[in-house]
Amino acid sequence: AVVLLGIGLYYHFRVLSPTAIGDAVGSFYHDPHPQVTFTATKTDNSSEPMYLIKLHGNFQTDRFHTKTITFSILANGTYLWALTAMHGTRVIYNFPSIPTYRGDFVFTPLLHAINRGN
């Protein structure tokens, strides 16, 4: 559903489970079933439900290979930020923000989870 608010658009999606989000992000990095730990909270500025998620698995891209990824994400899956790949305590990759529903970054497994409403 799309609701008009002033001159902007507000996208309303269902809340996703942290496991569905973790599986989707893990799939993007070639591990579809990582171990997911999370904290449910709300954003500071708009009190939207969100998760702080930590994934343990075997993740890889052309830029890194790691066993731990952390990130923050709105509970509806529409915006992910502070995605960090760790090797022990050392940061090996950091991506500041990813609008998961826009065409400029297609996070396909997460989009499928949003559409399924998991």
PDB file of N, CA and C in Angstrom:
ATOM      1  N   ALA A   1       0.842  -1.177   0.000  1.00  0.00           N
ATOM      2  CA  ALA A   1       0.000   0.000   0.000  1.00  0.00           C
ATOM      3  C   ALA A   1       0.884   1.236   0.000  1.00  0.00           C
ATOM      4  N   VAL A   2       0.455   2.248  -0.701  1.00  0.00           N
ATOM      5  CA  VAL A   2       1.175   3.519  -0.726  1.00  0.00           C
ATOM      6  C   VAL A   2       0.224   4.596  -0.229  1.00  0.00           C
ATOM      7  N   VAL A   3       0.659   5.379   0.740  1.00  0.00           N
ATOM      8  CA  VAL A   3      -0.154   6.447   1.308  1.00  0.00           C
ATOM      9  C   VAL A   3       0.551   7.763   1.028  1.00  0.00           C
ATOM     10  N   LEU A   4      -0.178   8.747   0.512  1.00  0.00           N
ATOM     11  CA  LEU A   4       0.411  10.059   0.258  1.00  0.00           C
ATOM     12  C   LEU A   4       0.471  10.857   1.545  1.00  0.00           C
ATOM     13  N   LEU A   5       1.623  11.398   1.854  1.00  0.00           N
ATOM     14  CA  LEU A   5       1.806  12.255   3.031  1.00  0.00           C
ATOM     15  C   LEU A   5       2.447  13.547   2.553  1.00  0.00           C
ATOM     16  N   GLY A   6       1.682  14.608   2.458  1.00  0.00           N
ATOM     17  CA  GLY A   6       2.233  15.871   1.966  1.00  0.00           C
ATOM     18  C   GLY A   6       2.726  15.695   0.548  1.00  0.00           C
ATOM     19  N   ILE A   7       3.992  16.031   0.313  1.00  0.00           N
ATOM     20  CA  ILE A   7       4.531  15.887  -1.030  1.00  0.00           C
ATOM     21  C   ILE A   7       5.314  14.589  -1.206  1.00  0.00           C
ATOM     22  N   GLY A   8       5.472  13.800  -0.124  1.00  0.00           N
ATOM     23  CA  GLY A   8       6.238  12.563  -0.219  1.00  0.00           C
ATOM     24  C   GLY A   8       5.349  11.343  -0.256  1.00  0.00           C
ATOM     25  N   LEU A   9       5.963  10.197  -0.424  1.00  0.00           N
ATOM     26  CA  LEU A   9       5.253   8.927  -0.406  1.00  0.00           C
ATOM     27  C   LEU A   9       5.691   8.149   0.824  1.00  0.00           C
ATOM     28  N   TYR A  10       4.760   7.452   1.431  1.00  0.00           N
ATOM     29  CA  TYR A  10       5.071   6.583   2.553  1.00  0.00           C
ATOM     30  C   TYR A  10       4.681   5.170   2.148  1.00  0.00           C
ATOM     31  N   TYR A  11       5.616   4.265   2.156  1.00  0.00           N
ATOM     32  CA  TYR A  11       5.350   2.880   1.811  1.00  0.00           C
ATOM     33  C   TYR A  11       5.018   2.114   3.076  1.00  0.00           C
ATOM     34  N   HIS A  12       3.894   1.427   3.091  1.00  0.00           N
ATOM     35  CA  HIS A  12       3.491   0.652   4.254  1.00  0.00           C
ATOM     36  C   HIS A  12       3.620  -0.826   3.917  1.00  0.00           C
ATOM     37  N   PHE A  13       4.494  -1.528   4.600  1.00  0.00           N
ATOM     38  CA  PHE A  13       4.694  -2.947   4.398  1.00  0.00           C
ATOM     39  C   PHE A  13       4.458  -3.659   5.719  1.00  0.00           C
ATOM     40  N   ARG A  14       4.223  -4.943   5.651  1.00  0.00           N
ATOM     41  CA  ARG A  14       4.045  -5.745   6.864  1.00  0.00           C
ATOM     42  C   ARG A  14       5.374  -5.914   7.587  1.00  0.00           C
ATOM     43  N   VAL A  15       5.297  -6.126   8.880  1.00  0.00           N
ATOM     44  CA  VAL A  15       6.489  -6.390   9.685  1.00  0.00           C
ATOM     45  C   VAL A  15       6.981  -7.798   9.355  1.00  0.00           C
ATOM     46  N   LEU A  16       8.279  -7.932   9.150  1.00  0.00           N
ATOM     47  CA  LEU A  16       8.900  -9.217   8.841  1.00  0.00           C
ATOM     48  C   LEU A  16       9.539  -9.788  10.098  1.00  0.00           C
ATOM     49  N   SER A  17       9.677 -11.100  10.127  1.00  0.00           N
ATOM     50  CA  SER A  17      10.370 -11.718  11.261  1.00  0.00           C
ATOM     51  C   SER A  17      11.877 -11.519  11.090  1.00  0.00           C
ATOM     52  N   PRO A  18      12.609 -11.424  12.192  1.00  0.00           N
ATOM     53  CA  PRO A  18      14.067 -11.288  12.100  1.00  0.00           C
ATOM     54  C   PRO A  18      14.701 -12.475  11.371  1.00  0.00           C
ATOM     55  N   THR A  19      14.114 -13.667  11.521  1.00  0.00           N
ATOM     56  CA  THR A  19      14.645 -14.845  10.826  1.00  0.00           C
ATOM     57  C   THR A  19      14.486 -14.711   9.322  1.00  0.00           C
ATOM     58  N   ALA A  20      13.322 -14.239   8.862  1.00  0.00           N
ATOM     59  CA  ALA A  20      13.104 -14.042   7.426  1.00  0.00           C
ATOM     60  C   ALA A  20      14.083 -13.008   6.875  1.00  0.00           C
ATOM     61  N   ILE A  21      14.295 -11.933   7.622  1.00  0.00           N
ATOM     62  CA  ILE A  21      15.256 -10.912   7.194  1.00  0.00           C
ATOM     63  C   ILE A  21      16.662 -11.500   7.168  1.00  0.00           C
ATOM     64  N   GLY A  22      17.043 -12.208   8.226  1.00  0.00           N
ATOM     65  CA  GLY A  22      18.372 -12.812   8.289  1.00  0.00           C
ATOM     66  C   GLY A  22      18.610 -13.803   7.161  1.00  0.00           C
ATOM     67  N   ASP A  23      17.608 -14.632   6.863  1.00  0.00           N
ATOM     68  CA  ASP A  23      17.739 -15.583   5.759  1.00  0.00           C
ATOM     69  C   ASP A  23      17.892 -14.858   4.423  1.00  0.00           C
ATOM     70  N   ALA A  24      17.140 -13.763   4.247  1.00  0.00           N
ATOM     71  CA  ALA A  24      17.215 -13.011   2.992  1.00  0.00           C
ATOM     72  C   ALA A  24      18.577 -12.342   2.822  1.00  0.00           C
ATOM     73  N   VAL A  25      19.058 -11.692   3.877  1.00  0.00           N
ATOM     74  CA  VAL A  25      20.371 -11.048   3.801  1.00  0.00           C
ATOM     75  C   VAL A  25      21.464 -12.113   3.659  1.00  0.00           C
ATOM     76  N   GLY A  26      21.339 -13.199   4.402  1.00  0.00           N
ATOM     77  CA  GLY A  26      22.300 -14.290   4.270  1.00  0.00           C
ATOM     78  C   GLY A  26      22.327 -14.858   2.859  1.00  0.00           C
ATOM     79  N   SER A  27      21.156 -15.014   2.251  1.00  0.00           N
ATOM     80  CA  SER A  27      21.082 -15.524   0.872  1.00  0.00           C
ATOM     81  C   SER A  27      21.820 -14.605  -0.085  1.00  0.00           C
ATOM     82  N   PHE A  28      21.683 -13.312   0.129  1.00  0.00           N
ATOM     83  CA  PHE A  28      22.374 -12.347  -0.726  1.00  0.00           C
ATOM     84  C   PHE A  28      23.882 -12.560  -0.672  1.00  0.00           C
ATOM     85  N   TYR A  29      24.381 -12.972   0.499  1.00  0.00           N
ATOM     86  CA  TYR A  29      25.811 -13.220   0.687  1.00  0.00           C
ATOM     87  C   TYR A  29      26.125 -14.716   0.685  1.00  0.00           C
ATOM     88  N   HIS A  30      25.294 -15.517   0.021  1.00  0.00           N
ATOM     89  CA  HIS A  30      25.527 -16.934  -0.266  1.00  0.00           C
ATOM     90  C   HIS A  30      25.457 -17.858   0.942  1.00  0.00           C
ATOM     91  N   ASP A  31      24.696 -17.497   1.964  1.00  0.00           N
ATOM     92  CA  ASP A  31      24.397 -18.408   3.078  1.00  0.00           C
ATOM     93  C   ASP A  31      22.930 -18.216   3.434  1.00  0.00           C
ATOM     94  N   PRO A  32      22.029 -19.059   2.896  1.00  0.00           N
ATOM     95  CA  PRO A  32      20.598 -18.838   3.058  1.00  0.00           C
ATOM     96  C   PRO A  32      20.032 -19.128   4.455  1.00  0.00           C
ATOM     97  N   HIS A  33      20.806 -19.766   5.319  1.00  0.00           N
ATOM     98  CA  HIS A  33      20.286 -20.098   6.652  1.00  0.00           C
ATOM     99  C   HIS A  33      21.299 -19.795   7.751  1.00  0.00           C
ATOM    100  N   PRO A  34      21.631 -18.513   7.923  1.00  0.00           N
ATOM    101  CA  PRO A  34      22.590 -18.166   8.979  1.00  0.00           C
ATOM    102  C   PRO A  34      21.929 -18.245  10.352  1.00  0.00           C
ATOM    103  N   GLN A  35      22.752 -18.274  11.373  1.00  0.00           N
ATOM    104  CA  GLN A  35      22.253 -18.152  12.749  1.00  0.00           C
ATOM    105  C   GLN A  35      21.936 -16.680  12.968  1.00  0.00           C
ATOM    106  N   VAL A  36      20.720 -16.385  13.442  1.00  0.00           N
ATOM    107  CA  VAL A  36      20.251 -15.001  13.598  1.00  0.00           C
ATOM    108  C   VAL A  36      20.067 -14.682  15.070  1.00  0.00           C
ATOM    109  N   THR A  37      20.724 -13.620  15.529  1.00  0.00           N
ATOM    110  CA  THR A  37      20.434 -13.062  16.846  1.00  0.00           C
ATOM    111  C   THR A  37      20.011 -11.612  16.616  1.00  0.00           C
ATOM    112  N   PHE A  38      19.098 -11.124  17.449  1.00  0.00           N
ATOM    113  CA  PHE A  38      18.557  -9.790  17.188  1.00  0.00           C
ATOM    114  C   PHE A  38      18.059  -9.137  18.466  1.00  0.00           C
ATOM    115  N   THR A  39      17.897  -7.822  18.362  1.00  0.00           N
ATOM    116  CA  THR A  39      17.225  -7.021  19.370  1.00  0.00           C
ATOM    117  C   THR A  39      16.141  -6.226  18.659  1.00  0.00           C
ATOM    118  N   ALA A  40      14.912  -6.318  19.125  1.00  0.00           N
ATOM    119  CA  ALA A  40      13.812  -5.521  18.565  1.00  0.00           C
ATOM    120  C   ALA A  40      13.772  -4.196  19.321  1.00  0.00           C
ATOM    121  N   THR A  41      13.648  -3.109  18.583  1.00  0.00           N
ATOM    122  CA  THR A  41      13.618  -1.772  19.177  1.00  0.00           C
ATOM    123  C   THR A  41      12.832  -0.847  18.260  1.00  0.00           C
ATOM    124  N   LYS A  42      12.956   0.457  18.451  1.00  0.00           N
ATOM    125  CA  LYS A  42      12.275   1.443  17.598  1.00  0.00           C
ATOM    126  C   LYS A  42      13.285   2.508  17.190  1.00  0.00           C
ATOM    127  N   THR A  43      13.041   3.117  16.021  1.00  0.00           N
ATOM    128  CA  THR A  43      13.930   4.184  15.567  1.00  0.00           C
ATOM    129  C   THR A  43      13.800   5.389  16.485  1.00  0.00           C
ATOM    130  N   ASP A  44      14.881   6.159  16.594  1.00  0.00           N
ATOM    131  CA  ASP A  44      14.875   7.347  17.452  1.00  0.00           C
ATOM    132  C   ASP A  44      13.962   8.445  16.919  1.00  0.00           C
ATOM    133  N   ASN A  45      14.000   8.667  15.614  1.00  0.00           N
ATOM    134  CA  ASN A  45      13.296   9.838  15.073  1.00  0.00           C
ATOM    135  C   ASN A  45      11.810   9.610  14.819  1.00  0.00           C
ATOM    136  N   SER A  46      11.389   8.385  14.450  1.00  0.00           N
ATOM    137  CA  SER A  46       9.975   8.188  14.099  1.00  0.00           C
ATOM    138  C   SER A  46       9.309   7.042  14.849  1.00  0.00           C
ATOM    139  N   SER A  47      10.017   6.420  15.760  1.00  0.00           N
ATOM    140  CA  SER A  47       9.504   5.299  16.564  1.00  0.00           C
ATOM    141  C   SER A  47       8.979   4.137  15.718  1.00  0.00           C
ATOM    142  N   GLU A  48       9.585   3.945  14.528  1.00  0.00           N
ATOM    143  CA  GLU A  48       9.215   2.790  13.707  1.00  0.00           C
ATOM    144  C   GLU A  48       9.881   1.539  14.273  1.00  0.00           C
ATOM    145  N   PRO A  49       9.189   0.389  14.224  1.00  0.00           N
ATOM    146  CA  PRO A  49       9.812  -0.857  14.679  1.00  0.00           C
ATOM    147  C   PRO A  49      11.038  -1.183  13.824  1.00  0.00           C
ATOM    148  N   MET A  50      12.085  -1.638  14.485  1.00  0.00           N
ATOM    149  CA  MET A  50      13.322  -1.985  13.785  1.00  0.00           C
ATOM    150  C   MET A  50      14.021  -3.106  14.530  1.00  0.00           C
ATOM    151  N   TYR A  51      15.021  -3.687  13.871  1.00  0.00           N
ATOM    152  CA  TYR A  51      15.837  -4.736  14.481  1.00  0.00           C
ATOM    153  C   TYR A  51      17.311  -4.377  14.364  1.00  0.00           C
ATOM    154  N   LEU A  52      18.064  -4.750  15.381  1.00  0.00           N
ATOM    155  CA  LEU A  52      19.519  -4.786  15.334  1.00  0.00           C
ATOM    156  C   LEU A  52      19.840  -6.266  15.172  1.00  0.00           C
ATOM    157  N   ILE A  53      20.437  -6.649  14.048  1.00  0.00           N
ATOM    158  CA  ILE A  53      20.601  -8.063  13.727  1.00  0.00           C
ATOM    159  C   ILE A  53      22.080  -8.411  13.584  1.00  0.00           C
ATOM    160  N   LYS A  54      22.420  -9.594  14.100  1.00  0.00           N
ATOM    161  CA  LYS A  54      23.759 -10.150  13.939  1.00  0.00           C
ATOM    162  C   LYS A  54      23.595 -11.536  13.322  1.00  0.00           C
ATOM    163  N   LEU A  55      24.294 -11.767  12.210  1.00  0.00           N
ATOM    164  CA  LEU A  55      24.242 -13.056  11.524  1.00  0.00           C
ATOM    165  C   LEU A  55      25.578 -13.775  11.680  1.00  0.00           C
ATOM    166  N   HIS A  56      25.500 -15.073  11.933  1.00  0.00           N
ATOM    167  CA  HIS A  56      26.686 -15.932  11.941  1.00  0.00           C
ATOM    168  C   HIS A  56      26.487 -16.970  10.859  1.00  0.00           C
ATOM    169  N   GLY A  57      27.479 -17.105   9.980  1.00  0.00           N
ATOM    170  CA  GLY A  57      27.384 -18.063   8.891  1.00  0.00           C
ATOM    171  C   GLY A  57      28.663 -18.056   8.080  1.00  0.00           C
ATOM    172  N   ASN A  58      28.514 -18.406   6.805  1.00  0.00           N
ATOM    173  CA  ASN A  58      29.653 -18.430   5.894  1.00  0.00           C
ATOM    174  C   ASN A  58      29.308 -17.522   4.721  1.00  0.00           C
ATOM    175  N   PHE A  59      29.654 -16.247   4.826  1.00  0.00           N
ATOM    176  CA  PHE A  59      29.244 -15.228   3.863  1.00  0.00           C
ATOM    177  C   PHE A  59      30.400 -14.860   2.942  1.00  0.00           C
ATOM    178  N   GLN A  60      30.034 -14.579   1.678  1.00  0.00           N
ATOM    179  CA  GLN A  60      31.082 -14.190   0.738  1.00  0.00           C
ATOM    180  C   GLN A  60      30.526 -13.340  -0.402  1.00  0.00           C
ATOM    181  N   THR A  61      31.375 -12.467  -0.881  1.00  0.00           N
ATOM    182  CA  THR A  61      31.137 -11.698  -2.097  1.00  0.00           C
ATOM    183  C   THR A  61      32.485 -11.572  -2.776  1.00  0.00           C
ATOM    184  N   ASP A  62      32.536 -10.822  -3.844  1.00  0.00           N
ATOM    185  CA  ASP A  62      33.830 -10.569  -4.464  1.00  0.00           C
ATOM    186  C   ASP A  62      34.679  -9.624  -3.618  1.00  0.00           C
ATOM    187  N   ARG A  63      34.056  -8.965  -2.614  1.00  0.00           N
ATOM    188  CA  ARG A  63      34.782  -8.016  -1.758  1.00  0.00           C
ATOM    189  C   ARG A  63      35.228  -8.589  -0.427  1.00  0.00           C
ATOM    190  N   PHE A  64      34.535  -9.605   0.078  1.00  0.00           N
ATOM    191  CA  PHE A  64      34.915 -10.150   1.380  1.00  0.00           C
ATOM    192  C   PHE A  64      34.415 -11.574   1.566  1.00  0.00           C
ATOM    193  N   HIS A  65      35.018 -12.234   2.543  1.00  0.00           N
ATOM    194  CA  HIS A  65      34.598 -13.548   3.030  1.00  0.00           C
ATOM    195  C   HIS A  65      34.623 -13.429   4.549  1.00  0.00           C
ATOM    196  N   THR A  66      33.497 -13.730   5.190  1.00  0.00           N
ATOM    197  CA  THR A  66      33.422 -13.532   6.641  1.00  0.00           C
ATOM    198  C   THR A  66      32.418 -14.482   7.265  1.00  0.00           C
ATOM    199  N   LYS A  67      32.442 -14.578   8.570  1.00  0.00           N
ATOM    200  CA  LYS A  67      31.491 -15.404   9.301  1.00  0.00           C
ATOM    201  C   LYS A  67      30.480 -14.577  10.091  1.00  0.00           C
ATOM    202  N   THR A  68      30.683 -13.251  10.191  1.00  0.00           N
ATOM    203  CA  THR A  68      29.785 -12.393  10.976  1.00  0.00           C
ATOM    204  C   THR A  68      29.405 -11.149  10.190  1.00  0.00           C
ATOM    205  N   ILE A  69      28.096 -10.886  10.126  1.00  0.00           N
ATOM    206  CA  ILE A  69      27.568  -9.656   9.532  1.00  0.00           C
ATOM    207  C   ILE A  69      26.593  -9.049  10.533  1.00  0.00           C
ATOM    208  N   THR A  70      26.696  -7.747  10.753  1.00  0.00           N
ATOM    209  CA  THR A  70      25.750  -7.032  11.611  1.00  0.00           C
ATOM    210  C   THR A  70      25.105  -5.922  10.797  1.00  0.00           C
ATOM    211  N   PHE A  71      23.869  -5.560  11.160  1.00  0.00           N
ATOM    212  CA  PHE A  71      23.177  -4.467  10.490  1.00  0.00           C
ATOM    213  C   PHE A  71      21.948  -4.064  11.280  1.00  0.00           C
ATOM    214  N   SER A  72      21.427  -2.894  10.942  1.00  0.00           N
ATOM    215  CA  SER A  72      20.154  -2.410  11.470  1.00  0.00           C
ATOM    216  C   SER A  72      19.183  -2.381  10.308  1.00  0.00           C
ATOM    217  N   ILE A  73      17.898  -2.650  10.597  1.00  0.00           N
ATOM    218  CA  ILE A  73      16.902  -2.683   9.527  1.00  0.00           C
ATOM    219  C   ILE A  73      15.527  -2.352  10.092  1.00  0.00           C
ATOM    220  N   LEU A  74      14.747  -1.605   9.308  1.00  0.00           N
ATOM    221  CA  LEU A  74      13.355  -1.403   9.697  1.00  0.00           C
ATOM    222  C   LEU A  74      12.668  -2.759   9.692  1.00  0.00           C
ATOM    223  N   ALA A  75      11.751  -2.974  10.614  1.00  0.00           N
ATOM    224  CA  ALA A  75      11.095  -4.275  10.750  1.00  0.00           C
ATOM    225  C   ALA A  75      10.270  -4.639   9.521  1.00  0.00           C
ATOM    226  N   ASN A  76       9.903  -3.657   8.712  1.00  0.00           N
ATOM    227  CA  ASN A  76       9.177  -3.972   7.479  1.00  0.00           C
ATOM    228  C   ASN A  76      10.133  -4.270   6.330  1.00  0.00           C
ATOM    229  N   GLY A  77      11.434  -4.202   6.568  1.00  0.00           N
ATOM    230  CA  GLY A  77      12.438  -4.575   5.589  1.00  0.00           C
ATOM    231  C   GLY A  77      12.745  -3.545   4.524  1.00  0.00           C
ATOM    232  N   THR A  78      12.187  -2.356   4.633  1.00  0.00           N
ATOM    233  CA  THR A  78      12.337  -1.388   3.548  1.00  0.00           C
ATOM    234  C   THR A  78      13.624  -0.570   3.595  1.00  0.00           C
ATOM    235  N   TYR A  79      14.329  -0.571   4.705  1.00  0.00           N
ATOM    236  CA  TYR A  79      15.569   0.196   4.772  1.00  0.00           C
ATOM    237  C   TYR A  79      16.544  -0.500   5.711  1.00  0.00           C
ATOM    238  N   LEU A  80      17.743  -0.720   5.231  1.00  0.00           N
ATOM    239  CA  LEU A  80      18.791  -1.383   5.985  1.00  0.00           C
ATOM    240  C   LEU A  80      19.973  -0.426   6.062  1.00  0.00           C
ATOM    241  N   TRP A  81      20.627  -0.355   7.208  1.00  0.00           N
ATOM    242  CA  TRP A  81      21.787   0.524   7.328  1.00  0.00           C
ATOM    243  C   TRP A  81      22.832  -0.104   8.236  1.00  0.00           C
ATOM    244  N   ALA A  82      24.042   0.465   8.147  1.00  0.00           N
ATOM    245  CA  ALA A  82      25.186   0.044   8.957  1.00  0.00           C
ATOM    246  C   ALA A  82      25.488  -1.446   8.797  1.00  0.00           C
ATOM    247  N   LEU A  83      25.403  -1.944   7.558  1.00  0.00           N
ATOM    248  CA  LEU A  83      25.770  -3.332   7.298  1.00  0.00           C
ATOM    249  C   LEU A  83      27.286  -3.434   7.409  1.00  0.00           C
ATOM    250  N   THR A  84      27.738  -4.301   8.315  1.00  0.00           N
ATOM    251  CA  THR A  84      29.159  -4.422   8.600  1.00  0.00           C
ATOM    252  C   THR A  84      29.569  -5.884   8.595  1.00  0.00           C
ATOM    253  N   ALA A  85      30.605  -6.201   7.843  1.00  0.00           N
ATOM    254  CA  ALA A  85      31.188  -7.543   7.855  1.00  0.00           C
ATOM    255  C   ALA A  85      32.393  -7.507   8.778  1.00  0.00           C
ATOM    256  N   MET A  86      32.463  -8.477   9.668  1.00  0.00           N
ATOM    257  CA  MET A  86      33.519  -8.513  10.672  1.00  0.00           C
ATOM    258  C   MET A  86      34.389  -9.755  10.509  1.00  0.00           C
ATOM    259  N   HIS A  87      35.673  -9.613  10.803  1.00  0.00           N
ATOM    260  CA  HIS A  87      36.584 -10.740  10.943  1.00  0.00           C
ATOM    261  C   HIS A  87      37.145 -10.624  12.344  1.00  0.00           C
ATOM    262  N   GLY A  88      36.593 -11.409  13.262  1.00  0.00           N
ATOM    263  CA  GLY A  88      36.931 -11.228  14.676  1.00  0.00           C
ATOM    264  C   GLY A  88      36.373  -9.886  15.125  1.00  0.00           C
ATOM    265  N   THR A  89      37.250  -8.992  15.566  1.00  0.00           N
ATOM    266  CA  THR A  89      36.805  -7.650  15.964  1.00  0.00           C
ATOM    267  C   THR A  89      37.146  -6.599  14.908  1.00  0.00           C
ATOM    268  N   ARG A  90      37.705  -7.035  13.784  1.00  0.00           N
ATOM    269  CA  ARG A  90      38.134  -6.109  12.731  1.00  0.00           C
ATOM    270  C   ARG A  90      37.036  -5.957  11.675  1.00  0.00           C
ATOM    271  N   VAL A  91      36.677  -4.719  11.359  1.00  0.00           N
ATOM    272  CA  VAL A  91      35.709  -4.432  10.299  1.00  0.00           C
ATOM    273  C   VAL A  91      36.410  -4.619   8.958  1.00  0.00           C
ATOM    274  N   ILE A  92      35.826  -5.492   8.101  1.00  0.00           N
ATOM    275  CA  ILE A  92      36.432  -5.696   6.790  1.00  0.00           C
ATOM    276  C   ILE A  92      35.568  -5.124   5.666  1.00  0.00           C
ATOM    277  N   TYR A  93      34.330  -4.772   5.972  1.00  0.00           N
ATOM    278  CA  TYR A  93      33.453  -4.170   4.968  1.00  0.00           C
ATOM    279  C   TYR A  93      32.350  -3.425   5.689  1.00  0.00           C
ATOM    280  N   ASN A  94      32.047  -2.220   5.226  1.00  0.00           N
ATOM    281  CA  ASN A  94      30.971  -1.442   5.830  1.00  0.00           C
ATOM    282  C   ASN A  94      30.195  -0.747   4.718  1.00  0.00           C
ATOM    283  N   PHE A  95      28.889  -0.960   4.719  1.00  0.00           N
ATOM    284  CA  PHE A  95      28.014  -0.306   3.746  1.00  0.00           C
ATOM    285  C   PHE A  95      27.036   0.537   4.548  1.00  0.00           C
ATOM    286  N   PRO A  96      27.077   1.873   4.448  1.00  0.00           N
ATOM    287  CA  PRO A  96      26.309   2.728   5.358  1.00  0.00           C
ATOM    288  C   PRO A  96      24.789   2.587   5.255  1.00  0.00           C
ATOM    289  N   SER A  97      24.205   2.554   4.050  1.00  0.00           N
ATOM    290  CA  SER A  97      22.745   2.459   3.971  1.00  0.00           C
ATOM    291  C   SER A  97      22.318   1.845   2.647  1.00  0.00           C
ATOM    292  N   ILE A  98      21.212   1.103   2.706  1.00  0.00           N
ATOM    293  CA  ILE A  98      20.691   0.405   1.536  1.00  0.00           C
ATOM    294  C   ILE A  98      19.173   0.547   1.517  1.00  0.00           C
ATOM    295  N   PRO A  99      18.620   1.361   0.601  1.00  0.00           N
ATOM    296  CA  PRO A  99      17.156   1.400   0.466  1.00  0.00           C
ATOM    297  C   PRO A  99      16.712   0.142  -0.277  1.00  0.00           C
ATOM    298  N   THR A 100      16.172  -0.821   0.426  1.00  0.00           N
ATOM    299  CA  THR A 100      15.953  -2.153  -0.131  1.00  0.00           C
ATOM    300  C   THR A 100      14.806  -2.226  -1.124  1.00  0.00           C
ATOM    301  N   TYR A 101      13.932  -1.240  -1.163  1.00  0.00           N
ATOM    302  CA  TYR A 101      12.758  -1.324  -2.037  1.00  0.00           C
ATOM    303  C   TYR A 101      12.895  -0.465  -3.280  1.00  0.00           C
ATOM    304  N   ARG A 102      13.970   0.303  -3.415  1.00  0.00           N
ATOM    305  CA  ARG A 102      14.136   1.204  -4.553  1.00  0.00           C
ATOM    306  C   ARG A 102      14.987   0.562  -5.633  1.00  0.00           C
ATOM    307  N   GLY A 103      14.838   1.044  -6.844  1.00  0.00           N
ATOM    308  CA  GLY A 103      15.534   0.478  -7.983  1.00  0.00           C
ATOM    309  C   GLY A 103      17.029   0.712  -7.998  1.00  0.00           C
ATOM    310  N   ASP A 104      17.546   1.631  -7.170  1.00  0.00           N
ATOM    311  CA  ASP A 104      18.979   1.895  -7.224  1.00  0.00           C
ATOM    312  C   ASP A 104      19.797   0.826  -6.497  1.00  0.00           C
ATOM    313  N   PHE A 105      19.164  -0.004  -5.711  1.00  0.00           N
ATOM    314  CA  PHE A 105      19.835  -1.146  -5.099  1.00  0.00           C
ATOM    315  C   PHE A 105      18.808  -2.251  -4.963  1.00  0.00           C
ATOM    316  N   VAL A 106      18.974  -3.305  -5.729  1.00  0.00           N
ATOM    317  CA  VAL A 106      17.984  -4.385  -5.714  1.00  0.00           C
ATOM    318  C   VAL A 106      18.494  -5.492  -4.802  1.00  0.00           C
ATOM    319  N   PHE A 107      17.899  -5.579  -3.632  1.00  0.00           N
ATOM    320  CA  PHE A 107      18.243  -6.579  -2.639  1.00  0.00           C
ATOM    321  C   PHE A 107      17.225  -7.708  -2.794  1.00  0.00           C
ATOM    322  N   THR A 108      17.362  -8.502  -3.858  1.00  0.00           N
ATOM    323  CA  THR A 108      16.324  -9.420  -4.318  1.00  0.00           C
ATOM    324  C   THR A 108      15.763 -10.348  -3.241  1.00  0.00           C
ATOM    325  N   PRO A 109      16.586 -11.083  -2.462  1.00  0.00           N
ATOM    326  CA  PRO A 109      15.983 -11.976  -1.461  1.00  0.00           C
ATOM    327  C   PRO A 109      15.147 -11.231  -0.425  1.00  0.00           C
ATOM    328  N   LEU A 110      15.575 -10.027  -0.049  1.00  0.00           N
ATOM    329  CA  LEU A 110      14.812  -9.253   0.921  1.00  0.00           C
ATOM    330  C   LEU A 110      13.514  -8.746   0.307  1.00  0.00           C
ATOM    331  N   LEU A 111      13.557  -8.351  -0.955  1.00  0.00           N
ATOM    332  CA  LEU A 111      12.323  -7.944  -1.634  1.00  0.00           C
ATOM    333  C   LEU A 111      11.325  -9.090  -1.689  1.00  0.00           C
ATOM    334  N   HIS A 112      11.798 -10.312  -1.929  1.00  0.00           N
ATOM    335  CA  HIS A 112      10.892 -11.463  -1.939  1.00  0.00           C
ATOM    336  C   HIS A 112      10.274 -11.677  -0.555  1.00  0.00           C
ATOM    337  N   ALA A 113      11.076 -11.515   0.502  1.00  0.00           N
ATOM    338  CA  ALA A 113      10.540 -11.656   1.860  1.00  0.00           C
ATOM    339  C   ALA A 113       9.507 -10.586   2.152  1.00  0.00           C
ATOM    340  N   ILE A 114       9.758  -9.347   1.701  1.00  0.00           N
ATOM    341  CA  ILE A 114       8.781  -8.261   1.898  1.00  0.00           C
ATOM    342  C   ILE A 114       7.482  -8.608   1.189  1.00  0.00           C
ATOM    343  N   ASN A 115       7.583  -9.073  -0.041  1.00  0.00           N
ATOM    344  CA  ASN A 115       6.378  -9.393  -0.816  1.00  0.00           C
ATOM    345  C   ASN A 115       5.611 -10.566  -0.224  1.00  0.00           C
ATOM    346  N   ARG A 116       6.329 -11.535   0.376  1.00  0.00           N
ATOM    347  CA  ARG A 116       5.659 -12.687   1.020  1.00  0.00           C
ATOM    348  C   ARG A 116       5.087 -12.282   2.370  1.00  0.00           C
ATOM    349  N   GLY A 117       5.668 -11.280   3.004  1.00  0.00           N
ATOM    350  CA  GLY A 117       5.210 -10.859   4.336  1.00  0.00           C
ATOM    351  C   GLY A 117       5.606 -11.834   5.419  1.00  0.00           C
ATOM    352  N   ASN A 118       6.792 -12.426   5.337  1.00  0.00           N
ATOM    353  CA  ASN A 118       7.268 -13.394   6.341  1.00  0.00           C
ATOM    354  C   ASN A 118       7.601 -12.709   7.639  1.00  0.00           C
TER     355      ASN A 118
END
